[in-house]
């Protein structure tokens, strides 16, 4: 019996689905304050640009983002950073971001940043 390409393709697809179904899912939900590496790196990079390019400053900036991560869930950090970024760009649609809900998000981030500075600098 000669297998056609279509038959082989169908068999391959069925096999792949069966294998995927047999493998347990490894997706694990991260804790609410587990910041992605890129977010931590961005923070440290910006912090070092403001405070100096030394090994000591690297350690202090790394400490600071760790302190922020202890105090503020990543989703709150991300929202506040986004609001601040959009407000800095300006424009006519930015006025809604000056409302109390968004300003409270920014205040929470700034409080966490101050705590990070107190602990680490």
PDB file of N, CA and C in Angstrom:
ATOM      1  N   UNK A   1       0.846  -1.165   0.000  1.00  0.00           N
ATOM      2  CA  UNK A   1       0.000   0.000   0.000  1.00  0.00           C
ATOM      3  C   UNK A   1       0.891   1.227   0.000  1.00  0.00           C
ATOM      4  N   UNK A   2       0.652   2.133  -0.897  1.00  0.00           N
ATOM      5  CA  UNK A   2       1.443   3.339  -1.030  1.00  0.00           C
ATOM      6  C   UNK A   2       0.681   4.487  -0.369  1.00  0.00           C
ATOM      7  N   UNK A   3       1.355   5.153   0.548  1.00  0.00           N
ATOM      8  CA  UNK A   3       0.730   6.285   1.249  1.00  0.00           C
ATOM      9  C   UNK A   3       0.901   7.546   0.419  1.00  0.00           C
ATOM     10  N   UNK A   4      -0.141   8.297   0.312  1.00  0.00           N
ATOM     11  CA  UNK A   4      -0.078   9.556  -0.412  1.00  0.00           C
ATOM     12  C   UNK A   4       0.423  10.650   0.526  1.00  0.00           C
ATOM     13  N   UNK A   5       0.820  11.766  -0.071  1.00  0.00           N
ATOM     14  CA  UNK A   5       1.278  12.902   0.747  1.00  0.00           C
ATOM     15  C   UNK A   5       0.199  13.374   1.700  1.00  0.00           C
ATOM     16  N   UNK A   6      -1.032  13.402   1.221  1.00  0.00           N
ATOM     17  CA  UNK A   6      -2.142  13.859   2.053  1.00  0.00           C
ATOM     18  C   UNK A   6      -2.327  12.939   3.254  1.00  0.00           C
ATOM     19  N   UNK A   7      -2.189  11.629   3.018  1.00  0.00           N
ATOM     20  CA  UNK A   7      -2.332  10.668   4.098  1.00  0.00           C
ATOM     21  C   UNK A   7      -1.212  10.842   5.113  1.00  0.00           C
ATOM     22  N   UNK A   8       0.023  11.016   4.632  1.00  0.00           N
ATOM     23  CA  UNK A   8       1.152  11.214   5.538  1.00  0.00           C
ATOM     24  C   UNK A   8       1.016  12.511   6.334  1.00  0.00           C
ATOM     25  N   UNK A   9       0.545  13.560   5.676  1.00  0.00           N
ATOM     26  CA  UNK A   9       0.360  14.837   6.359  1.00  0.00           C
ATOM     27  C   UNK A   9      -0.699  14.703   7.446  1.00  0.00           C
ATOM     28  N   UNK A  10      -1.792  14.029   7.131  1.00  0.00           N
ATOM     29  CA  UNK A  10      -2.862  13.840   8.111  1.00  0.00           C
ATOM     30  C   UNK A  10      -2.372  13.002   9.288  1.00  0.00           C
ATOM     31  N   UNK A  11      -1.611  11.956   8.991  1.00  0.00           N
ATOM     32  CA  UNK A  11      -1.060  11.101  10.042  1.00  0.00           C
ATOM     33  C   UNK A  11      -0.104  11.880  10.928  1.00  0.00           C
ATOM     34  N   UNK A  12       0.716  12.725  10.323  1.00  0.00           N
ATOM     35  CA  UNK A  12       1.647  13.554  11.091  1.00  0.00           C
ATOM     36  C   UNK A  12       0.904  14.516  12.001  1.00  0.00           C
ATOM     37  N   UNK A  13      -0.159  15.125  11.497  1.00  0.00           N
ATOM     38  CA  UNK A  13      -0.941  16.069  12.286  1.00  0.00           C
ATOM     39  C   UNK A  13      -1.596  15.376  13.471  1.00  0.00           C
ATOM     40  N   UNK A  14      -2.160  14.195  13.238  1.00  0.00           N
ATOM     41  CA  UNK A  14      -2.801  13.441  14.316  1.00  0.00           C
ATOM     42  C   UNK A  14      -1.766  13.048  15.371  1.00  0.00           C
ATOM     43  N   UNK A  15      -0.603  12.622  14.927  1.00  0.00           N
ATOM     44  CA  UNK A  15       0.459  12.242  15.855  1.00  0.00           C
ATOM     45  C   UNK A  15       0.904  13.431  16.695  1.00  0.00           C
ATOM     46  N   UNK A  16       1.060  14.582  16.068  1.00  0.00           N
ATOM     47  CA  UNK A  16       1.487  15.787  16.787  1.00  0.00           C
ATOM     48  C   UNK A  16       0.462  16.179  17.837  1.00  0.00           C
ATOM     49  N   UNK A  17      -0.808  16.128  17.481  1.00  0.00           N
ATOM     50  CA  UNK A  17      -1.862  16.471  18.431  1.00  0.00           C
ATOM     51  C   UNK A  17      -1.862  15.486  19.593  1.00  0.00           C
ATOM     52  N   UNK A  18      -1.680  14.212  19.310  1.00  0.00           N
ATOM     53  CA  UNK A  18      -1.663  13.199  20.362  1.00  0.00           C
ATOM     54  C   UNK A  18      -0.482  13.416  21.301  1.00  0.00           C
ATOM     55  N   UNK A  19       0.665  13.746  20.738  1.00  0.00           N
ATOM     56  CA  UNK A  19       1.839  13.992  21.574  1.00  0.00           C
ATOM     57  C   UNK A  19       1.645  15.227  22.448  1.00  0.00           C
ATOM     58  N   UNK A  20       1.087  16.269  21.882  1.00  0.00           N
ATOM     59  CA  UNK A  20       0.850  17.491  22.659  1.00  0.00           C
ATOM     60  C   UNK A  20      -0.151  17.251  23.775  1.00  0.00           C
ATOM     61  N   UNK A  21      -1.145  16.429  23.520  1.00  0.00           N
ATOM     62  CA  UNK A  21      -2.146  16.138  24.535  1.00  0.00           C
ATOM     63  C   UNK A  21      -1.549  15.311  25.670  1.00  0.00           C
ATOM     64  N   UNK A  22      -0.543  14.499  25.360  1.00  0.00           N
ATOM     65  CA  UNK A  22       0.070  13.638  26.360  1.00  0.00           C
ATOM     66  C   UNK A  22       1.055  14.385  27.249  1.00  0.00           C
ATOM     67  N   UNK A  23       1.606  15.475  26.767  1.00  0.00           N
ATOM     68  CA  UNK A  23       2.591  16.234  27.541  1.00  0.00           C
ATOM     69  C   UNK A  23       1.864  17.179  28.476  1.00  0.00           C
ATOM     70  N   UNK A  24       2.150  17.109  29.773  1.00  0.00           N
ATOM     71  CA  UNK A  24       1.482  18.024  30.690  1.00  0.00           C
ATOM     72  C   UNK A  24       1.901  19.469  30.429  1.00  0.00           C
ATOM     73  N   UNK A  25       0.986  20.359  30.635  1.00  0.00           N
ATOM     74  CA  UNK A  25       1.259  21.778  30.422  1.00  0.00           C
ATOM     75  C   UNK A  25       2.267  22.269  31.454  1.00  0.00           C
ATOM     76  N   UNK A  26       3.256  23.015  30.997  1.00  0.00           N
ATOM     77  CA  UNK A  26       4.279  23.534  31.900  1.00  0.00           C
ATOM     78  C   UNK A  26       4.082  25.019  32.174  1.00  0.00           C
ATOM     79  N   UNK A  27       3.009  25.583  31.639  1.00  0.00           N
ATOM     80  CA  UNK A  27       2.755  26.999  31.871  1.00  0.00           C
ATOM     81  C   UNK A  27       2.360  27.184  33.326  1.00  0.00           C
ATOM     82  N   UNK A  28       3.106  28.019  33.995  1.00  0.00           N
ATOM     83  CA  UNK A  28       2.856  28.304  35.394  1.00  0.00           C
ATOM     84  C   UNK A  28       2.620  29.800  35.520  1.00  0.00           C
ATOM     85  N   UNK A  29       1.591  30.153  36.226  1.00  0.00           N
ATOM     86  CA  UNK A  29       1.325  31.577  36.418  1.00  0.00           C
ATOM     87  C   UNK A  29       2.366  32.139  37.382  1.00  0.00           C
ATOM     88  N   UNK A  30       2.960  33.267  36.976  1.00  0.00           N
ATOM     89  CA  UNK A  30       3.973  33.906  37.797  1.00  0.00           C
ATOM     90  C   UNK A  30       3.319  34.679  38.927  1.00  0.00           C
ATOM     91  N   UNK A  31       4.032  34.847  40.038  1.00  0.00           N
ATOM     92  CA  UNK A  31       3.499  35.682  41.111  1.00  0.00           C
ATOM     93  C   UNK A  31       3.233  37.088  40.586  1.00  0.00           C
ATOM     94  N   UNK A  32       2.323  37.807  41.222  1.00  0.00           N
ATOM     95  CA  UNK A  32       1.920  39.125  40.738  1.00  0.00           C
ATOM     96  C   UNK A  32       3.068  40.122  40.714  1.00  0.00           C
ATOM     97  N   UNK A  33       4.121  39.884  41.471  1.00  0.00           N
ATOM     98  CA  UNK A  33       5.224  40.846  41.499  1.00  0.00           C
ATOM     99  C   UNK A  33       6.476  40.339  40.801  1.00  0.00           C
ATOM    100  N   UNK A  34       6.357  39.304  39.992  1.00  0.00           N
ATOM    101  CA  UNK A  34       7.515  38.782  39.275  1.00  0.00           C
ATOM    102  C   UNK A  34       7.662  39.547  37.967  1.00  0.00           C
ATOM    103  N   UNK A  35       8.468  40.571  37.998  1.00  0.00           N
ATOM    104  CA  UNK A  35       8.649  41.435  36.834  1.00  0.00           C
ATOM    105  C   UNK A  35       9.445  40.712  35.758  1.00  0.00           C
ATOM    106  N   UNK A  36       9.079  40.895  34.496  1.00  0.00           N
ATOM    107  CA  UNK A  36       9.871  40.305  33.411  1.00  0.00           C
ATOM    108  C   UNK A  36      11.290  40.885  33.422  1.00  0.00           C
ATOM    109  N   UNK A  37      12.231  40.108  32.972  1.00  0.00           N
ATOM    110  CA  UNK A  37      13.626  40.540  32.956  1.00  0.00           C
ATOM    111  C   UNK A  37      13.797  41.845  32.198  1.00  0.00           C
ATOM    112  N   UNK A  38      13.098  42.006  31.089  1.00  0.00           N
ATOM    113  CA  UNK A  38      13.251  43.220  30.282  1.00  0.00           C
ATOM    114  C   UNK A  38      12.796  44.453  31.056  1.00  0.00           C
ATOM    115  N   UNK A  39      11.755  44.329  31.857  1.00  0.00           N
ATOM    116  CA  UNK A  39      11.289  45.466  32.658  1.00  0.00           C
ATOM    117  C   UNK A  39      12.327  45.834  33.716  1.00  0.00           C
ATOM    118  N   UNK A  40      12.908  44.819  34.349  1.00  0.00           N
ATOM    119  CA  UNK A  40      13.952  45.080  35.346  1.00  0.00           C
ATOM    120  C   UNK A  40      15.178  45.707  34.673  1.00  0.00           C
ATOM    121  N   UNK A  41      15.560  45.174  33.521  1.00  0.00           N
ATOM    122  CA  UNK A  41      16.731  45.701  32.812  1.00  0.00           C
ATOM    123  C   UNK A  41      16.508  47.143  32.367  1.00  0.00           C
ATOM    124  N   UNK A  42      15.320  47.445  31.855  1.00  0.00           N
ATOM    125  CA  UNK A  42      15.005  48.825  31.448  1.00  0.00           C
ATOM    126  C   UNK A  42      15.125  49.779  32.630  1.00  0.00           C
ATOM    127  N   UNK A  43      14.606  49.361  33.766  1.00  0.00           N
ATOM    128  CA  UNK A  43      14.661  50.211  34.955  1.00  0.00           C
ATOM    129  C   UNK A  43      16.112  50.451  35.377  1.00  0.00           C
ATOM    130  N   UNK A  44      16.892  49.388  35.431  1.00  0.00           N
ATOM    131  CA  UNK A  44      18.292  49.507  35.845  1.00  0.00           C
ATOM    132  C   UNK A  44      19.068  50.379  34.859  1.00  0.00           C
ATOM    133  N   UNK A  45      18.834  50.195  33.587  1.00  0.00           N
ATOM    134  CA  UNK A  45      19.514  50.993  32.567  1.00  0.00           C
ATOM    135  C   UNK A  45      19.212  52.482  32.759  1.00  0.00           C
ATOM    136  N   UNK A  46      17.936  52.830  32.908  1.00  0.00           N
ATOM    137  CA  UNK A  46      17.552  54.231  33.106  1.00  0.00           C
ATOM    138  C   UNK A  46      18.114  54.774  34.413  1.00  0.00           C
ATOM    139  N   UNK A  47      18.065  53.972  35.447  1.00  0.00           N
ATOM    140  CA  UNK A  47      18.596  54.383  36.755  1.00  0.00           C
ATOM    141  C   UNK A  47      20.094  54.664  36.667  1.00  0.00           C
ATOM    142  N   UNK A  48      20.815  53.828  35.947  1.00  0.00           N
ATOM    143  CA  UNK A  48      22.257  54.030  35.805  1.00  0.00           C
ATOM    144  C   UNK A  48      22.574  55.264  34.969  1.00  0.00           C
ATOM    145  N   UNK A  49      21.729  55.574  34.009  1.00  0.00           N
ATOM    146  CA  UNK A  49      21.971  56.777  33.216  1.00  0.00           C
ATOM    147  C   UNK A  49      21.830  58.031  34.082  1.00  0.00           C
ATOM    148  N   UNK A  50      20.953  57.987  35.045  1.00  0.00           N
ATOM    149  CA  UNK A  50      20.741  59.136  35.921  1.00  0.00           C
ATOM    150  C   UNK A  50      21.798  59.207  37.022  1.00  0.00           C
ATOM    151  N   UNK A  51      22.207  58.058  37.539  1.00  0.00           N
ATOM    152  CA  UNK A  51      23.056  58.017  38.736  1.00  0.00           C
ATOM    153  C   UNK A  51      24.522  57.694  38.485  1.00  0.00           C
ATOM    154  N   UNK A  52      24.870  57.294  37.287  1.00  0.00           N
ATOM    155  CA  UNK A  52      26.260  56.960  36.987  1.00  0.00           C
ATOM    156  C   UNK A  52      26.413  55.552  36.465  1.00  0.00           C
ATOM    157  N   UNK A  53      27.513  55.330  35.814  1.00  0.00           N
ATOM    158  CA  UNK A  53      27.759  54.054  35.128  1.00  0.00           C
ATOM    159  C   UNK A  53      28.804  53.223  35.872  1.00  0.00           C
ATOM    160  N   UNK A  54      28.640  53.066  37.170  1.00  0.00           N
ATOM    161  CA  UNK A  54      29.607  52.302  37.955  1.00  0.00           C
ATOM    162  C   UNK A  54      28.994  50.989  38.430  1.00  0.00           C
ATOM    163  N   UNK A  55      29.840  50.115  38.866  1.00  0.00           N
ATOM    164  CA  UNK A  55      29.383  48.828  39.409  1.00  0.00           C
ATOM    165  C   UNK A  55      28.522  49.051  40.653  1.00  0.00           C
ATOM    166  N   UNK A  56      28.917  49.989  41.485  1.00  0.00           N
ATOM    167  CA  UNK A  56      28.153  50.290  42.700  1.00  0.00           C
ATOM    168  C   UNK A  56      26.743  50.776  42.347  1.00  0.00           C
ATOM    169  N   UNK A  57      26.642  51.643  41.354  1.00  0.00           N
ATOM    170  CA  UNK A  57      25.328  52.145  40.934  1.00  0.00           C
ATOM    171  C   UNK A  57      24.500  51.015  40.333  1.00  0.00           C
ATOM    172  N   UNK A  58      25.126  50.121  39.587  1.00  0.00           N
ATOM    173  CA  UNK A  58      24.425  48.951  39.049  1.00  0.00           C
ATOM    174  C   UNK A  58      23.780  48.157  40.178  1.00  0.00           C
ATOM    175  N   UNK A  59      24.530  47.914  41.233  1.00  0.00           N
ATOM    176  CA  UNK A  59      24.010  47.158  42.371  1.00  0.00           C
ATOM    177  C   UNK A  59      22.878  47.906  43.061  1.00  0.00           C
ATOM    178  N   UNK A  60      23.033  49.214  43.222  1.00  0.00           N
ATOM    179  CA  UNK A  60      21.998  50.013  43.880  1.00  0.00           C
ATOM    180  C   UNK A  60      20.722  50.079  43.042  1.00  0.00           C
ATOM    181  N   UNK A  61      20.871  50.238  41.741  1.00  0.00           N
ATOM    182  CA  UNK A  61      19.701  50.287  40.857  1.00  0.00           C
ATOM    183  C   UNK A  61      18.996  48.931  40.816  1.00  0.00           C
ATOM    184  N   UNK A  62      19.759  47.851  40.820  1.00  0.00           N
ATOM    185  CA  UNK A  62      19.171  46.509  40.855  1.00  0.00           C
ATOM    186  C   UNK A  62      18.408  46.300  42.162  1.00  0.00           C
ATOM    187  N   UNK A  63      18.985  46.756  43.245  1.00  0.00           N
ATOM    188  CA  UNK A  63      18.326  46.688  44.552  1.00  0.00           C
ATOM    189  C   UNK A  63      17.023  47.478  44.517  1.00  0.00           C
ATOM    190  N   UNK A  64      17.054  48.640  43.892  1.00  0.00           N
ATOM    191  CA  UNK A  64      15.885  49.511  43.847  1.00  0.00           C
ATOM    192  C   UNK A  64      14.718  48.862  43.106  1.00  0.00           C
ATOM    193  N   UNK A  65      14.970  48.260  41.954  1.00  0.00           N
ATOM    194  CA  UNK A  65      13.867  47.617  41.225  1.00  0.00           C
ATOM    195  C   UNK A  65      13.368  46.390  41.981  1.00  0.00           C
ATOM    196  N   UNK A  66      14.247  45.714  42.698  1.00  0.00           N
ATOM    197  CA  UNK A  66      13.806  44.586  43.524  1.00  0.00           C
ATOM    198  C   UNK A  66      12.868  45.073  44.630  1.00  0.00           C
ATOM    199  N   UNK A  67      13.198  46.218  45.232  1.00  0.00           N
ATOM    200  CA  UNK A  67      12.342  46.790  46.280  1.00  0.00           C
ATOM    201  C   UNK A  67      10.985  47.196  45.699  1.00  0.00           C
ATOM    202  N   UNK A  68      11.006  47.798  44.526  1.00  0.00           N
ATOM    203  CA  UNK A  68       9.753  48.187  43.875  1.00  0.00           C
ATOM    204  C   UNK A  68       8.903  46.950  43.596  1.00  0.00           C
ATOM    205  N   UNK A  69       9.547  45.889  43.122  1.00  0.00           N
ATOM    206  CA  UNK A  69       8.819  44.650  42.811  1.00  0.00           C
ATOM    207  C   UNK A  69       8.198  44.025  44.055  1.00  0.00           C
ATOM    208  N   UNK A  70       8.825  44.221  45.210  1.00  0.00           N
ATOM    209  CA  UNK A  70       8.246  43.713  46.464  1.00  0.00           C
ATOM    210  C   UNK A  70       6.978  44.478  46.832  1.00  0.00           C
ATOM    211  N   UNK A  71       6.942  45.750  46.484  1.00  0.00           N
ATOM    212  CA  UNK A  71       5.863  46.629  46.930  1.00  0.00           C
ATOM    213  C   UNK A  71       4.716  46.791  45.938  1.00  0.00           C
ATOM    214  N   UNK A  72       4.984  46.557  44.668  1.00  0.00           N
ATOM    215  CA  UNK A  72       4.007  46.891  43.631  1.00  0.00           C
ATOM    216  C   UNK A  72       3.879  45.738  42.645  1.00  0.00           C
ATOM    217  N   UNK A  73       2.673  45.226  42.457  1.00  0.00           N
ATOM    218  CA  UNK A  73       2.494  44.170  41.447  1.00  0.00           C
ATOM    219  C   UNK A  73       2.921  44.681  40.073  1.00  0.00           C
ATOM    220  N   UNK A  74       3.416  43.789  39.240  1.00  0.00           N
ATOM    221  CA  UNK A  74       3.909  44.191  37.933  1.00  0.00           C
ATOM    222  C   UNK A  74       2.826  44.872  37.107  1.00  0.00           C
ATOM    223  N   UNK A  75       1.591  44.411  37.191  1.00  0.00           N
ATOM    224  CA  UNK A  75       0.524  45.027  36.392  1.00  0.00           C
ATOM    225  C   UNK A  75       0.352  46.500  36.770  1.00  0.00           C
ATOM    226  N   UNK A  76       0.461  46.827  38.054  1.00  0.00           N
ATOM    227  CA  UNK A  76       0.365  48.229  38.493  1.00  0.00           C
ATOM    228  C   UNK A  76       1.568  49.033  38.010  1.00  0.00           C
ATOM    229  N   UNK A  77       2.747  48.427  38.086  1.00  0.00           N
ATOM    230  CA  UNK A  77       3.966  49.093  37.609  1.00  0.00           C
ATOM    231  C   UNK A  77       3.839  49.406  36.121  1.00  0.00           C
ATOM    232  N   UNK A  78       3.403  48.424  35.351  1.00  0.00           N
ATOM    233  CA  UNK A  78       3.281  48.578  33.905  1.00  0.00           C
ATOM    234  C   UNK A  78       2.259  49.664  33.546  1.00  0.00           C
ATOM    235  N   UNK A  79       1.129  49.674  34.240  1.00  0.00           N
ATOM    236  CA  UNK A  79       0.105  50.688  33.975  1.00  0.00           C
ATOM    237  C   UNK A  79       0.629  52.089  34.275  1.00  0.00           C
ATOM    238  N   UNK A  80       1.277  52.260  35.417  1.00  0.00           N
ATOM    239  CA  UNK A  80       1.795  53.575  35.798  1.00  0.00           C
ATOM    240  C   UNK A  80       2.880  54.036  34.832  1.00  0.00           C
ATOM    241  N   UNK A  81       3.774  53.144  34.449  1.00  0.00           N
ATOM    242  CA  UNK A  81       4.822  53.494  33.484  1.00  0.00           C
ATOM    243  C   UNK A  81       4.208  53.912  32.141  1.00  0.00           C
ATOM    244  N   UNK A  82       3.170  53.212  31.720  1.00  0.00           N
ATOM    245  CA  UNK A  82       2.512  53.543  30.462  1.00  0.00           C
ATOM    246  C   UNK A  82       1.853  54.914  30.537  1.00  0.00           C
ATOM    247  N   UNK A  83       1.137  55.175  31.619  1.00  0.00           N
ATOM    248  CA  UNK A  83       0.481  56.474  31.786  1.00  0.00           C
ATOM    249  C   UNK A  83       1.516  57.593  31.776  1.00  0.00           C
ATOM    250  N   UNK A  84       2.602  57.418  32.522  1.00  0.00           N
ATOM    251  CA  UNK A  84       3.634  58.460  32.576  1.00  0.00           C
ATOM    252  C   UNK A  84       4.257  58.688  31.200  1.00  0.00           C
ATOM    253  N   UNK A  85       4.467  57.626  30.452  1.00  0.00           N
ATOM    254  CA  UNK A  85       5.056  57.736  29.128  1.00  0.00           C
ATOM    255  C   UNK A  85       4.136  58.490  28.170  1.00  0.00           C
ATOM    256  N   UNK A  86       2.860  58.179  28.196  1.00  0.00           N
ATOM    257  CA  UNK A  86       1.901  58.831  27.316  1.00  0.00           C
ATOM    258  C   UNK A  86       1.747  60.307  27.686  1.00  0.00           C
ATOM    259  N   UNK A  87       1.685  60.600  28.981  1.00  0.00           N
ATOM    260  CA  UNK A  87       1.548  61.982  29.436  1.00  0.00           C
ATOM    261  C   UNK A  87       2.759  62.808  28.999  1.00  0.00           C
ATOM    262  N   UNK A  88       3.944  62.233  29.057  1.00  0.00           N
ATOM    263  CA  UNK A  88       5.155  62.953  28.647  1.00  0.00           C
ATOM    264  C   UNK A  88       5.118  63.321  27.168  1.00  0.00           C
ATOM    265  N   UNK A  89       4.513  62.481  26.356  1.00  0.00           N
ATOM    266  CA  UNK A  89       4.440  62.759  24.921  1.00  0.00           C
ATOM    267  C   UNK A  89       3.480  63.898  24.620  1.00  0.00           C
ATOM    268  N   UNK A  90       2.480  64.060  25.492  1.00  0.00           N
ATOM    269  CA  UNK A  90       1.530  65.156  25.318  1.00  0.00           C
ATOM    270  C   UNK A  90       0.508  64.891  24.242  1.00  0.00           C
ATOM    271  N   UNK A  91      -0.208  65.939  23.878  1.00  0.00           N
ATOM    272  CA  UNK A  91      -1.254  65.824  22.870  1.00  0.00           C
ATOM    273  C   UNK A  91      -2.609  66.113  23.471  1.00  0.00           C
ATOM    274  N   UNK A  92      -3.583  66.241  22.604  1.00  0.00           N
ATOM    275  CA  UNK A  92      -4.908  66.627  23.068  1.00  0.00           C
ATOM    276  C   UNK A  92      -5.671  65.507  23.763  1.00  0.00           C
ATOM    277  N   UNK A  93      -5.324  64.262  23.519  1.00  0.00           N
ATOM    278  CA  UNK A  93      -6.033  63.138  24.134  1.00  0.00           C
ATOM    279  C   UNK A  93      -5.462  62.736  25.489  1.00  0.00           C
ATOM    280  N   UNK A  94      -4.475  63.447  25.953  1.00  0.00           N
ATOM    281  CA  UNK A  94      -3.803  63.095  27.196  1.00  0.00           C
ATOM    282  C   UNK A  94      -4.569  63.578  28.428  1.00  0.00           C
ATOM    283  N   UNK A  95      -5.454  64.512  28.270  1.00  0.00           N
ATOM    284  CA  UNK A  95      -6.141  65.123  29.416  1.00  0.00           C
ATOM    285  C   UNK A  95      -6.841  64.100  30.297  1.00  0.00           C
ATOM    286  N   UNK A  96      -7.384  63.046  29.722  1.00  0.00           N
ATOM    287  CA  UNK A  96      -8.071  62.031  30.542  1.00  0.00           C
ATOM    288  C   UNK A  96      -7.107  61.296  31.479  1.00  0.00           C
ATOM    289  N   UNK A  97      -5.824  61.284  31.141  1.00  0.00           N
ATOM    290  CA  UNK A  97      -4.839  60.600  31.987  1.00  0.00           C
ATOM    291  C   UNK A  97      -4.451  61.428  33.211  1.00  0.00           C
ATOM    292  N   UNK A  98      -4.963  62.642  33.300  1.00  0.00           N
ATOM    293  CA  UNK A  98      -4.712  63.472  34.472  1.00  0.00           C
ATOM    294  C   UNK A  98      -5.790  63.274  35.533  1.00  0.00           C
ATOM    295  N   UNK A  99      -6.697  62.345  35.288  1.00  0.00           N
ATOM    296  CA  UNK A  99      -7.775  62.050  36.230  1.00  0.00           C
ATOM    297  C   UNK A  99      -7.253  61.342  37.468  1.00  0.00           C
ATOM    298  N   UNK A 100      -8.062  61.311  38.516  1.00  0.00           N
ATOM    299  CA  UNK A 100      -7.626  60.757  39.812  1.00  0.00           C
ATOM    300  C   UNK A 100      -7.241  59.283  39.771  1.00  0.00           C
ATOM    301  N   UNK A 101      -7.890  58.491  38.946  1.00  0.00           N
ATOM    302  CA  UNK A 101      -7.564  57.063  38.891  1.00  0.00           C
ATOM    303  C   UNK A 101      -6.133  56.864  38.392  1.00  0.00           C
ATOM    304  N   UNK A 102      -5.810  57.551  37.307  1.00  0.00           N
ATOM    305  CA  UNK A 102      -4.472  57.407  36.733  1.00  0.00           C
ATOM    306  C   UNK A 102      -3.417  58.066  37.609  1.00  0.00           C
ATOM    307  N   UNK A 103      -3.750  59.176  38.214  1.00  0.00           N
ATOM    308  CA  UNK A 103      -2.792  59.854  39.079  1.00  0.00           C
ATOM    309  C   UNK A 103      -2.484  59.023  40.321  1.00  0.00           C
ATOM    310  N   UNK A 104      -3.454  58.279  40.811  1.00  0.00           N
ATOM    311  CA  UNK A 104      -3.211  57.392  41.957  1.00  0.00           C
ATOM    312  C   UNK A 104      -2.248  56.269  41.574  1.00  0.00           C
ATOM    313  N   UNK A 105      -2.355  55.754  40.374  1.00  0.00           N
ATOM    314  CA  UNK A 105      -1.425  54.718  39.897  1.00  0.00           C
ATOM    315  C   UNK A 105       0.004  55.266  39.873  1.00  0.00           C
ATOM    316  N   UNK A 106       0.147  56.488  39.397  1.00  0.00           N
ATOM    317  CA  UNK A 106       1.467  57.116  39.346  1.00  0.00           C
ATOM    318  C   UNK A 106       2.002  57.357  40.752  1.00  0.00           C
ATOM    319  N   UNK A 107       1.142  57.789  41.658  1.00  0.00           N
ATOM    320  CA  UNK A 107       1.569  58.032  43.049  1.00  0.00           C
ATOM    321  C   UNK A 107       2.072  56.743  43.701  1.00  0.00           C
ATOM    322  N   UNK A 108       1.370  55.638  43.451  1.00  0.00           N
ATOM    323  CA  UNK A 108       1.800  54.353  44.014  1.00  0.00           C
ATOM    324  C   UNK A 108       3.192  53.983  43.505  1.00  0.00           C
ATOM    325  N   UNK A 109       3.412  54.170  42.211  1.00  0.00           N
ATOM    326  CA  UNK A 109       4.728  53.866  41.649  1.00  0.00           C
ATOM    327  C   UNK A 109       5.786  54.772  42.253  1.00  0.00           C
ATOM    328  N   UNK A 110       5.502  56.038  42.356  1.00  0.00           N
ATOM    329  CA  UNK A 110       6.492  56.969  42.907  1.00  0.00           C
ATOM    330  C   UNK A 110       6.800  56.666  44.371  1.00  0.00           C
ATOM    331  N   UNK A 111       5.787  56.254  45.131  1.00  0.00           N
ATOM    332  CA  UNK A 111       6.038  55.859  46.524  1.00  0.00           C
ATOM    333  C   UNK A 111       6.955  54.637  46.581  1.00  0.00           C
ATOM    334  N   UNK A 112       6.718  53.676  45.694  1.00  0.00           N
ATOM    335  CA  UNK A 112       7.567  52.481  45.646  1.00  0.00           C
ATOM    336  C   UNK A 112       8.984  52.856  45.224  1.00  0.00           C
ATOM    337  N   UNK A 113       9.124  53.800  44.293  1.00  0.00           N
ATOM    338  CA  UNK A 113      10.455  54.245  43.870  1.00  0.00           C
ATOM    339  C   UNK A 113      11.191  54.940  45.011  1.00  0.00           C
ATOM    340  N   UNK A 114      10.487  55.749  45.765  1.00  0.00           N
ATOM    341  CA  UNK A 114      11.112  56.420  46.915  1.00  0.00           C
ATOM    342  C   UNK A 114      11.576  55.383  47.934  1.00  0.00           C
ATOM    343  N   UNK A 115      10.747  54.390  48.182  1.00  0.00           N
ATOM    344  CA  UNK A 115      11.132  53.325  49.109  1.00  0.00           C
ATOM    345  C   UNK A 115      12.377  52.590  48.594  1.00  0.00           C
ATOM    346  N   UNK A 116      12.429  52.339  47.299  1.00  0.00           N
ATOM    347  CA  UNK A 116      13.606  51.693  46.705  1.00  0.00           C
ATOM    348  C   UNK A 116      14.849  52.542  46.890  1.00  0.00           C
ATOM    349  N   UNK A 117      14.712  53.843  46.703  1.00  0.00           N
ATOM    350  CA  UNK A 117      15.856  54.743  46.901  1.00  0.00           C
ATOM    351  C   UNK A 117      16.295  54.771  48.369  1.00  0.00           C
ATOM    352  N   UNK A 118      15.342  54.789  49.276  1.00  0.00           N
ATOM    353  CA  UNK A 118      15.686  54.804  50.708  1.00  0.00           C
ATOM    354  C   UNK A 118      16.410  53.527  51.110  1.00  0.00           C
ATOM    355  N   UNK A 119      15.969  52.407  50.582  1.00  0.00           N
ATOM    356  CA  UNK A 119      16.601  51.134  50.928  1.00  0.00           C
ATOM    357  C   UNK A 119      17.975  50.953  50.297  1.00  0.00           C
ATOM    358  N   UNK A 120      18.156  51.486  49.099  1.00  0.00           N
ATOM    359  CA  UNK A 120      19.310  51.084  48.296  1.00  0.00           C
ATOM    360  C   UNK A 120      20.342  52.170  48.045  1.00  0.00           C
ATOM    361  N   UNK A 121      19.986  53.431  48.221  1.00  0.00           N
ATOM    362  CA  UNK A 121      20.940  54.490  47.889  1.00  0.00           C
ATOM    363  C   UNK A 121      21.433  55.230  49.096  1.00  0.00           C
TER     364      UNK A 121
END
